Amino acid sequence: MVVPCFKEQPESFMRIPTPPMGQSLLVIGVLNRPETDSDLNANASLRHYVTRNALSAPLPGCTLCTLKPAITLFMIDLEHIEGATPKSEGVGRARRVGCDLALWLMKQGHIESEWIYSSDADAQWPSHYLSQSWPSDAAAISLPFQHVIDGEAPLDQATLVYELWLHHYILGLEFSASPYAFHTLGSSCGFNARCYAAVRGMPLRAGAEDFYLLNKLAKIGRVFRPAGPPVLIQARASDRVPFGTGPAVARLMASGEPQSTPFFYPQNNFNALKRILECFPKWLNSQEPDIYQSLSQHLPEGIAGAATAQLLKLGLPEAIKHVRRNSRDAQQRARQLHTWFDGFKTLKFLNSLRDSTGGHQTLLQISDKASQPLTTKTLCSKRSAIVTQWGWELEQDEA
C-alpha cells in the first residue's frame, strides 16, 4: 500500500488496516514537499515519529519501522533525498516513487501479491479488501468510498456536495454507456503490478495523476468496481494539490451556499454523449459520416451543433479514418475508437460542451430536474440513494 505524505501527522498511520491472519502488509510512505511550499518543517512531526521508531535505515533517506503486528512501514523521505518536489510533478512523483519501489520488490520476490494499493493519509480501508481475489481480467480496482463528516456544518455540506458531484459524473457516464464510468480517487484504488508496468507507471503530475493512470489502465483491462463497505476519507479542505477534492471543497465552502453553486454538468451534456457513443458503430461503417445529421435526429439543434463542433475540434473524423485503416474487424474498430475517445477526451468534450451551452448547473437545479436518486431531501440521503444501487455499504451519518 503506497501512501504519499505531506503535512501529515503520525496518527494517520493508525488508520492503516490490519491484514488478515497469516498475512502481512508493507506500507510504503513517501514523505514529500512540493516546491510551492517553503515551510521546511512541514513534515517535521512525521519525520520525527519515523526516526524515533526506526528499526533500520537500509538506504539514506529510507527507514523501516513496525506500525502494528504484521504491518511494516518503509518510509522514503523524498524531501531529504532530492529536496522539494518540482511544482509540475507534485503528488504524482510521490506516488510514482512508492509504486515503482513496490513493483521492484515484487520483481525481486519480496512481495507475493500482484496488487499495488493506492491510499492517502486521510483514508481508512476496510481490511477485507487486502485479502480479496480480484478478477483475472482486472487491470485496476476502484473501491467504494465515503467522506466522513464530523458535524462542522460548512465543511460537511461542501464535502457532501462535492461527493455528489463525483457520483453524478459517474451516473452520467453510466447513462451514456461510456466504458470509462468509474471513480478515480488515489485514496481508494489499486492496480495489477503487471498492468501498472505495461502503462509505464504513475504519471508525474501535481494533480489528477490517479485519473490519468486509471484512464490508461482501462485501455488494457477492466477497472473493476466491487460492492461492499467504503474506504473512509476524512472530510477536509486542503491546498496540498492544485485541484481535486481538497481545493474543490475549499471553493464550495468559500461560496457560502454549496448547494446553490453552479458545479454540475447539465443532463443535456450526457444526452449528447450517449447519442455519440450510440453512433460510433454507424460512423465506423460509413466512408464520410455526417456527424451533425446523426446527432440532430435525437438532440436539440443547439446541443447537436455544439457537440458536432467539439467532436470536429477533437479530430473525430480523422480518428475514424485511422481506425478503419488499422482494424481487422468491427470489434477491433470499436475498441480502438473507444481507446481514442478515452476518459480524458470524454471529460474534455463534456467540459467544452458545458461551456458552449449554458455552463454548470447547481445541485438544486439537478435535483429539480432529475428523478431519483437525487430528489431525496438531505445530502446524506441523496448520497445513500445513489451508491446503494452500486452495492456500496455506507456508514450512517447525518447532514
Protein backbone atom coordinates (compact mmCIF):
# COMPACT_ATOMS: atom_id res chain seq x y z
CA MET A 1 0.00 0.00 0.00
CA VAL A 2 1.52 3.30 -1.14
CA VAL A 3 0.73 6.45 0.87
CA PRO A 4 2.12 9.88 -0.09
CA CYS A 5 2.66 12.08 2.97
CA PHE A 6 2.79 15.87 3.09
CA LYS A 7 1.87 17.88 6.21
CA GLU A 8 0.53 14.72 7.85
CA GLN A 9 0.58 13.68 11.50
CA PRO A 10 1.76 10.30 12.89
CA GLU A 11 -1.83 9.48 13.87
CA SER A 12 -2.63 8.98 10.20
CA PHE A 13 -0.85 5.62 10.25
CA MET A 14 -3.27 4.37 12.89
CA ARG A 15 -5.82 4.17 10.06
CA ILE A 16 -3.83 1.52 8.21
CA PRO A 17 -5.94 -1.68 8.02
CA THR A 18 -4.79 -4.80 9.82
CA PRO A 19 -4.08 -7.55 7.28
CA PRO A 20 -5.87 -10.92 7.54
CA MET A 21 -4.46 -13.62 9.81
CA GLY A 22 -1.32 -15.13 8.35
CA GLN A 23 -0.62 -12.23 6.04
CA SER A 24 1.47 -9.09 6.32
CA LEU A 25 1.23 -5.64 4.82
CA LEU A 26 4.02 -3.40 3.58
CA VAL A 27 3.12 0.28 3.68
CA ILE A 28 5.37 2.44 1.53
CA GLY A 29 5.13 6.01 2.77
CA VAL A 30 6.62 8.77 0.65
CA LEU A 31 7.41 11.95 2.58
CA ASN A 32 7.40 14.86 0.14
CA ARG A 33 7.10 18.64 -0.02
CA PRO A 34 6.22 20.50 -3.23
CA GLU A 35 8.42 23.45 -4.10
CA THR A 36 5.36 25.69 -3.81
CA ASP A 37 5.54 25.24 -0.02
CA SER A 38 8.54 26.93 1.57
CA ASP A 39 7.97 25.55 5.09
CA LEU A 40 11.00 23.34 5.76
CA ASN A 41 9.26 21.99 8.88
CA ALA A 42 6.07 20.93 7.10
CA ASN A 43 6.94 17.24 7.57
CA ALA A 44 8.86 17.54 10.86
CA SER A 45 6.26 15.77 13.00
CA LEU A 46 6.01 12.66 10.85
CA ARG A 47 9.76 12.61 10.20
CA HIS A 48 10.44 12.68 13.95
CA TYR A 49 7.96 9.84 14.55
CA VAL A 50 9.59 7.63 11.93
CA THR A 51 13.10 8.34 13.22
CA ARG A 52 12.07 7.59 16.80
CA ASN A 53 10.52 4.24 15.84
CA ALA A 54 13.11 3.16 13.27
CA LEU A 55 14.21 -0.47 13.15
CA SER A 56 16.78 0.18 10.45
CA ALA A 57 17.77 2.60 7.71
CA PRO A 58 18.61 0.39 4.70
CA LEU A 59 19.43 3.39 2.48
CA PRO A 60 19.98 7.11 3.03
CA GLY A 61 16.57 8.72 3.40
CA CYS A 62 14.83 5.35 3.84
CA THR A 63 13.60 3.98 7.16
CA LEU A 64 11.94 0.74 8.20
CA CYS A 65 9.71 0.58 11.25
CA THR A 66 6.85 -1.52 12.60
CA LEU A 67 3.45 0.15 12.80
CA LYS A 68 1.50 -2.80 14.22
CA PRO A 69 1.98 -6.56 14.26
CA ALA A 70 2.21 -7.70 10.61
CA ILE A 71 2.40 -4.10 9.32
CA THR A 72 5.77 -2.71 8.26
CA LEU A 73 6.35 0.88 7.19
CA PHE A 74 9.03 1.64 4.63
CA MET A 75 9.29 5.42 4.70
CA ILE A 76 11.02 7.15 1.82
CA ASP A 77 11.95 10.71 2.76
CA LEU A 78 11.83 12.09 -0.75
CA GLU A 79 12.31 15.61 0.53
CA HIS A 80 15.54 14.55 2.28
CA ILE A 81 16.80 12.64 -0.75
CA GLU A 82 16.15 15.16 -3.51
CA GLY A 83 14.72 18.30 -1.94
CA ALA A 84 11.38 19.87 -2.75
CA THR A 85 9.35 18.17 -5.47
CA PRO A 86 9.00 20.16 -8.73
CA LYS A 87 5.73 22.05 -8.94
CA SER A 88 4.65 20.22 -12.09
CA GLU A 89 5.16 16.74 -10.57
CA GLY A 90 3.78 17.08 -7.03
CA VAL A 91 1.93 14.14 -5.56
CA GLY A 92 2.28 12.19 -8.81
CA ARG A 93 6.02 11.92 -8.19
CA ALA A 94 5.45 10.72 -4.63
CA ARG A 95 3.03 8.03 -5.78
CA ARG A 96 5.33 7.08 -8.66
CA VAL A 97 8.34 6.57 -6.36
CA GLY A 98 6.30 4.44 -3.96
CA CYS A 99 4.60 2.33 -6.64
CA ASP A 100 7.84 1.80 -8.56
CA LEU A 101 9.53 0.56 -5.37
CA ALA A 102 6.63 -1.84 -4.79
CA LEU A 103 6.99 -3.11 -8.36
CA TRP A 104 10.74 -3.65 -7.87
CA LEU A 105 10.19 -5.52 -4.60
CA MET A 106 7.67 -7.77 -6.36
CA LYS A 107 10.14 -8.47 -9.14
CA GLN A 108 12.77 -9.37 -6.53
CA GLY A 109 10.37 -11.84 -4.91
CA HIS A 110 9.94 -9.95 -1.64
CA ILE A 111 6.18 -9.39 -2.13
CA GLU A 112 3.82 -12.21 -3.05
CA SER A 113 0.80 -10.12 -4.03
CA GLU A 114 0.40 -8.93 -7.61
CA TRP A 115 -1.52 -5.85 -6.50
CA ILE A 116 -0.37 -2.39 -5.51
CA TYR A 117 -2.88 -0.44 -3.44
CA SER A 118 -3.01 3.35 -3.53
CA SER A 119 -4.21 5.25 -0.48
CA ASP A 120 -3.86 8.59 1.30
CA ALA A 121 -3.06 9.55 4.86
CA ASP A 122 -6.66 10.67 5.44
CA ALA A 123 -8.17 7.35 4.25
CA GLN A 124 -9.08 4.22 6.20
CA TRP A 125 -9.55 0.99 4.27
CA PRO A 126 -11.75 -1.93 5.37
CA SER A 127 -9.23 -4.70 6.00
CA HIS A 128 -11.06 -7.34 3.96
CA TYR A 129 -10.07 -5.65 0.70
CA LEU A 130 -6.48 -6.71 1.44
CA SER A 131 -7.42 -10.38 1.11
CA GLN A 132 -9.73 -10.13 -1.89
CA SER A 133 -9.07 -12.06 -5.07
CA TRP A 134 -9.73 -9.71 -7.95
CA PRO A 135 -10.97 -10.80 -11.40
CA SER A 136 -8.27 -12.08 -13.72
CA ASP A 137 -9.19 -9.53 -16.40
CA ALA A 138 -8.98 -6.58 -13.99
CA ALA A 139 -6.17 -4.12 -14.60
CA ALA A 140 -7.31 -1.98 -11.67
CA ILE A 141 -9.92 -1.68 -8.93
CA SER A 142 -11.92 1.37 -7.92
CA LEU A 143 -13.29 0.87 -4.40
CA PRO A 144 -16.38 2.27 -2.69
CA PHE A 145 -15.58 5.36 -0.65
CA GLN A 146 -17.28 7.73 1.75
CA HIS A 147 -16.20 11.10 3.07
CA VAL A 148 -16.66 11.13 6.84
CA ILE A 149 -18.38 14.24 8.13
CA ASP A 150 -17.79 15.44 11.69
CA GLY A 151 -20.53 17.94 12.44
CA GLU A 152 -18.78 21.07 11.16
CA ALA A 153 -21.68 22.29 9.03
CA PRO A 154 -19.90 24.35 6.30
CA LEU A 155 -17.23 21.70 5.73
CA ASP A 156 -19.75 18.85 5.86
CA GLN A 157 -22.08 20.44 3.33
CA ALA A 158 -19.30 21.36 0.91
CA THR A 159 -17.79 17.87 1.16
CA LEU A 160 -21.10 16.14 0.53
CA VAL A 161 -21.92 18.36 -2.45
CA TYR A 162 -18.51 17.57 -3.93
CA GLU A 163 -19.01 13.85 -3.35
CA LEU A 164 -22.42 14.06 -5.01
CA TRP A 165 -20.71 15.77 -7.96
CA LEU A 166 -18.30 12.83 -8.22
CA HIS A 167 -21.19 10.37 -8.17
CA HIS A 168 -23.30 12.42 -10.57
CA TYR A 169 -20.49 12.37 -13.10
CA ILE A 170 -20.22 8.57 -12.91
CA LEU A 171 -24.01 8.26 -13.16
CA GLY A 172 -23.85 10.38 -16.31
CA LEU A 173 -21.14 8.18 -17.81
CA GLU A 174 -23.14 5.05 -16.93
CA PHE A 175 -26.23 6.57 -18.54
CA SER A 176 -24.15 7.25 -21.66
CA ALA A 177 -22.76 3.68 -21.66
CA SER A 178 -19.20 5.00 -21.50
CA PRO A 179 -16.54 2.37 -20.77
CA TYR A 180 -14.84 4.95 -18.51
CA ALA A 181 -17.60 5.03 -15.86
CA PHE A 182 -15.54 4.55 -12.70
CA HIS A 183 -14.30 6.76 -9.89
CA THR A 184 -10.64 7.78 -9.98
CA LEU A 185 -9.60 8.57 -6.40
CA GLY A 186 -5.98 7.92 -5.48
CA SER A 187 -7.08 7.16 -1.92
CA SER A 188 -9.25 4.17 -2.85
CA CYS A 189 -7.88 2.29 -5.82
CA GLY A 190 -5.40 -0.42 -6.72
CA PHE A 191 -3.76 -1.83 -9.80
CA ASN A 192 -2.28 -5.06 -11.03
CA ALA A 193 1.51 -4.73 -10.99
CA ARG A 194 1.96 -6.19 -14.47
CA CYS A 195 -0.59 -3.76 -15.90
CA TYR A 196 0.96 -0.87 -13.98
CA ALA A 197 4.29 -1.64 -15.63
CA ALA A 198 2.64 -2.04 -19.05
CA VAL A 199 1.32 1.54 -18.99
CA ARG A 200 4.69 2.85 -17.72
CA GLY A 201 3.61 3.72 -14.24
CA MET A 202 2.15 6.68 -12.41
CA PRO A 203 2.09 9.97 -14.33
CA LEU A 204 4.33 12.68 -12.87
CA ARG A 205 1.59 15.23 -12.27
CA ALA A 206 0.79 17.61 -9.42
CA GLY A 207 -2.86 16.54 -9.57
CA ALA A 208 -5.20 14.10 -11.35
CA GLU A 209 -2.38 11.54 -11.50
CA ASP A 210 -4.90 8.94 -10.32
CA PHE A 211 -7.32 9.87 -13.12
CA TYR A 212 -4.68 9.59 -15.83
CA LEU A 213 -3.30 6.29 -14.53
CA LEU A 214 -6.71 4.61 -14.31
CA ASN A 215 -7.58 6.04 -17.72
CA LYS A 216 -4.52 4.29 -19.17
CA LEU A 217 -5.20 1.06 -17.30
CA ALA A 218 -8.80 0.94 -18.60
CA LYS A 219 -7.40 0.60 -22.12
CA ILE A 220 -5.62 -2.68 -21.38
CA GLY A 221 -8.04 -4.30 -18.91
CA ARG A 222 -11.12 -3.81 -16.80
CA VAL A 223 -11.37 -1.31 -13.97
CA PHE A 224 -13.32 -3.45 -11.52
CA ARG A 225 -15.81 -1.75 -9.20
CA PRO A 226 -16.59 -4.04 -6.26
CA ALA A 227 -19.55 -3.65 -3.95
CA GLY A 228 -19.05 -3.55 -0.21
CA PRO A 229 -18.08 -1.22 2.63
CA PRO A 230 -16.39 2.07 1.78
CA VAL A 231 -12.92 3.41 2.23
CA LEU A 232 -13.50 6.16 4.78
CA ILE A 233 -11.96 9.52 3.85
CA GLN A 234 -11.71 12.35 6.36
CA ALA A 235 -13.54 15.47 5.22
CA ARG A 236 -11.12 18.37 4.97
CA ALA A 237 -10.48 21.43 2.85
CA SER A 238 -6.89 21.27 1.63
CA ASP A 239 -4.32 23.04 -0.52
CA ARG A 240 -2.00 20.04 -0.80
CA VAL A 241 -2.75 19.70 -4.52
CA PRO A 242 -3.72 22.35 -7.11
CA PHE A 243 -7.06 20.70 -7.88
CA GLY A 244 -9.12 17.75 -6.73
CA THR A 245 -11.11 17.09 -3.58
CA GLY A 246 -9.39 19.48 -1.16
CA PRO A 247 -9.38 22.61 -3.35
CA ALA A 248 -12.91 21.88 -4.64
CA VAL A 249 -14.24 21.59 -1.08
CA ALA A 250 -12.47 24.84 -0.16
CA ARG A 251 -14.08 26.64 -3.12
CA LEU A 252 -17.53 25.31 -2.25
CA MET A 253 -17.08 26.43 1.36
CA ALA A 254 -16.00 29.88 0.20
CA SER A 255 -19.17 30.20 -1.87
CA GLY A 256 -21.25 30.11 1.30
CA GLU A 257 -24.02 28.13 -0.43
CA PRO A 258 -22.59 24.88 -1.85
CA GLN A 259 -25.98 23.57 -2.99
CA SER A 260 -26.60 26.80 -4.93
CA THR A 261 -23.15 26.91 -6.53
CA PRO A 262 -23.04 26.03 -10.27
CA PHE A 263 -20.92 22.88 -10.25
CA PHE A 264 -22.76 20.05 -12.05
CA TYR A 265 -22.98 19.02 -15.71
CA PRO A 266 -26.43 19.54 -17.27
CA GLN A 267 -28.21 16.35 -18.27
CA ASN A 268 -28.20 17.51 -21.92
CA ASN A 269 -24.43 17.03 -21.92
CA PHE A 270 -24.80 13.35 -21.06
CA ASN A 271 -27.67 13.00 -23.53
CA ALA A 272 -25.26 14.18 -26.22
CA LEU A 273 -22.52 11.83 -25.06
CA LYS A 274 -24.94 8.90 -25.07
CA ARG A 275 -26.02 9.66 -28.64
CA ILE A 276 -22.39 9.99 -29.78
CA LEU A 277 -21.42 6.61 -28.37
CA GLU A 278 -24.53 5.05 -29.92
CA CYS A 279 -23.44 6.45 -33.29
CA PHE A 280 -19.91 5.04 -33.15
CA PRO A 281 -20.77 1.75 -34.97
CA LYS A 282 -22.66 3.64 -37.69
CA TRP A 283 -19.86 6.15 -38.21
CA LEU A 284 -17.24 3.41 -38.33
CA ASN A 285 -19.15 1.77 -41.19
CA SER A 286 -19.51 4.99 -43.18
CA GLN A 287 -16.91 6.41 -45.56
CA GLU A 288 -17.89 10.01 -44.77
CA PRO A 289 -20.07 10.08 -41.63
CA ASP A 290 -22.37 13.08 -41.26
CA ILE A 291 -21.90 13.76 -37.55
CA TYR A 292 -24.34 16.66 -37.26
CA GLN A 293 -27.08 14.86 -39.15
CA SER A 294 -26.78 11.83 -36.91
CA LEU A 295 -26.88 13.91 -33.71
CA SER A 296 -29.62 16.32 -34.74
CA GLN A 297 -32.08 13.45 -35.18
CA HIS A 298 -32.15 12.92 -31.41
CA LEU A 299 -30.81 16.11 -29.83
CA PRO A 300 -31.91 19.77 -29.76
CA GLU A 301 -30.39 21.75 -32.61
CA GLY A 302 -28.16 23.85 -30.36
CA ILE A 303 -26.77 20.84 -28.49
CA ALA A 304 -26.23 18.87 -31.72
CA GLY A 305 -24.38 21.79 -33.31
CA ALA A 306 -22.18 22.41 -30.28
CA ALA A 307 -21.43 18.70 -29.88
CA THR A 308 -20.52 18.40 -33.57
CA ALA A 309 -18.18 21.37 -33.31
CA GLN A 310 -16.41 19.86 -30.31
CA LEU A 311 -16.03 16.45 -31.97
CA LEU A 312 -14.54 18.06 -35.07
CA LYS A 313 -12.16 20.02 -32.86
CA LEU A 314 -11.09 16.82 -31.11
CA GLY A 315 -10.40 15.21 -34.51
CA LEU A 316 -13.09 12.54 -34.60
CA PRO A 317 -13.28 12.22 -38.44
CA GLU A 318 -9.51 11.66 -38.63
CA ALA A 319 -9.69 9.14 -35.78
CA ILE A 320 -12.43 7.20 -37.55
CA LYS A 321 -10.38 7.05 -40.75
CA HIS A 322 -7.33 5.87 -38.81
CA VAL A 323 -9.32 3.16 -37.05
CA ARG A 324 -10.89 1.96 -40.30
CA ARG A 325 -7.44 1.65 -41.91
CA ASN A 326 -5.87 -0.20 -38.98
CA SER A 327 -8.53 -2.64 -37.75
CA ARG A 328 -9.34 -6.15 -38.86
CA ASP A 329 -12.98 -6.35 -37.80
CA ALA A 330 -15.87 -4.45 -36.22
CA GLN A 331 -14.94 -5.46 -32.69
CA GLN A 332 -11.40 -4.18 -33.03
CA ARG A 333 -12.62 -0.97 -34.69
CA ALA A 334 -14.97 -0.30 -31.78
CA ARG A 335 -12.23 -0.99 -29.22
CA GLN A 336 -9.77 1.30 -30.96
CA LEU A 337 -12.24 4.16 -31.25
CA HIS A 338 -13.11 3.89 -27.54
CA THR A 339 -9.39 3.85 -26.81
CA TRP A 340 -9.05 7.10 -28.73
CA PHE A 341 -12.18 8.66 -27.19
CA ASP A 342 -10.93 7.82 -23.72
CA GLY A 343 -11.79 9.15 -20.29
CA PHE A 344 -9.72 12.29 -20.83
CA LYS A 345 -11.30 13.13 -24.21
CA THR A 346 -14.71 12.37 -22.72
CA LEU A 347 -14.06 14.86 -19.92
CA LYS A 348 -12.67 17.41 -22.36
CA PHE A 349 -15.72 17.02 -24.59
CA LEU A 350 -18.15 17.43 -21.68
CA ASN A 351 -16.31 20.50 -20.40
CA SER A 352 -16.33 22.14 -23.80
CA LEU A 353 -19.99 21.29 -24.42
CA ARG A 354 -20.93 22.63 -20.98
CA ASP A 355 -19.13 25.90 -21.63
CA SER A 356 -20.76 26.42 -25.01
CA THR A 357 -24.32 25.52 -23.98
CA GLY A 358 -25.02 27.40 -20.78
CA GLY A 359 -22.43 26.36 -18.21
CA HIS A 360 -22.78 24.44 -14.97
CA GLN A 361 -25.96 23.82 -13.03
CA THR A 362 -26.39 23.77 -9.26
CA LEU A 363 -27.22 20.70 -7.21
CA LEU A 364 -30.67 22.19 -6.63
CA GLN A 365 -31.24 22.52 -10.38
CA ILE A 366 -30.07 18.96 -10.98
CA SER A 367 -32.33 17.70 -8.17
CA ASP A 368 -35.32 19.59 -9.53
CA LYS A 369 -34.96 18.01 -12.97
CA ALA A 370 -33.68 14.56 -12.01
CA SER A 371 -35.65 11.54 -10.98
CA GLN A 372 -34.48 9.51 -8.01
CA PRO A 373 -31.93 9.23 -6.52
CA LEU A 374 -31.17 12.99 -6.39
CA THR A 375 -34.66 14.12 -5.36
CA THR A 376 -34.34 12.88 -1.76
CA LYS A 377 -34.19 15.60 0.87
CA THR A 378 -30.90 15.57 2.77
CA LEU A 379 -27.43 15.44 1.26
CA CYS A 380 -26.67 12.18 3.03
CA SER A 381 -29.88 10.59 1.80
CA LYS A 382 -29.06 11.71 -1.75
CA ARG A 383 -25.66 10.07 -1.44
CA SER A 384 -27.11 6.89 0.04
CA ALA A 385 -29.74 6.64 -2.69
CA ILE A 386 -27.07 6.83 -5.36
CA VAL A 387 -24.46 4.44 -4.01
CA THR A 388 -26.92 1.81 -2.80
CA GLN A 389 -27.58 0.93 -6.42
CA TRP A 390 -23.86 0.20 -6.78
CA GLY A 391 -23.91 -2.13 -3.78
CA TRP A 392 -21.95 0.19 -1.50
CA GLU A 393 -22.50 -0.20 2.24
CA LEU A 394 -22.18 3.29 3.71
CA GLU A 395 -21.81 4.11 7.36
CA GLN A 396 -24.69 6.16 8.71
CA ASP A 397 -24.27 9.87 9.27
CA GLU A 398 -26.49 12.93 9.30
CA ALA A 399 -26.30 16.10 7.21
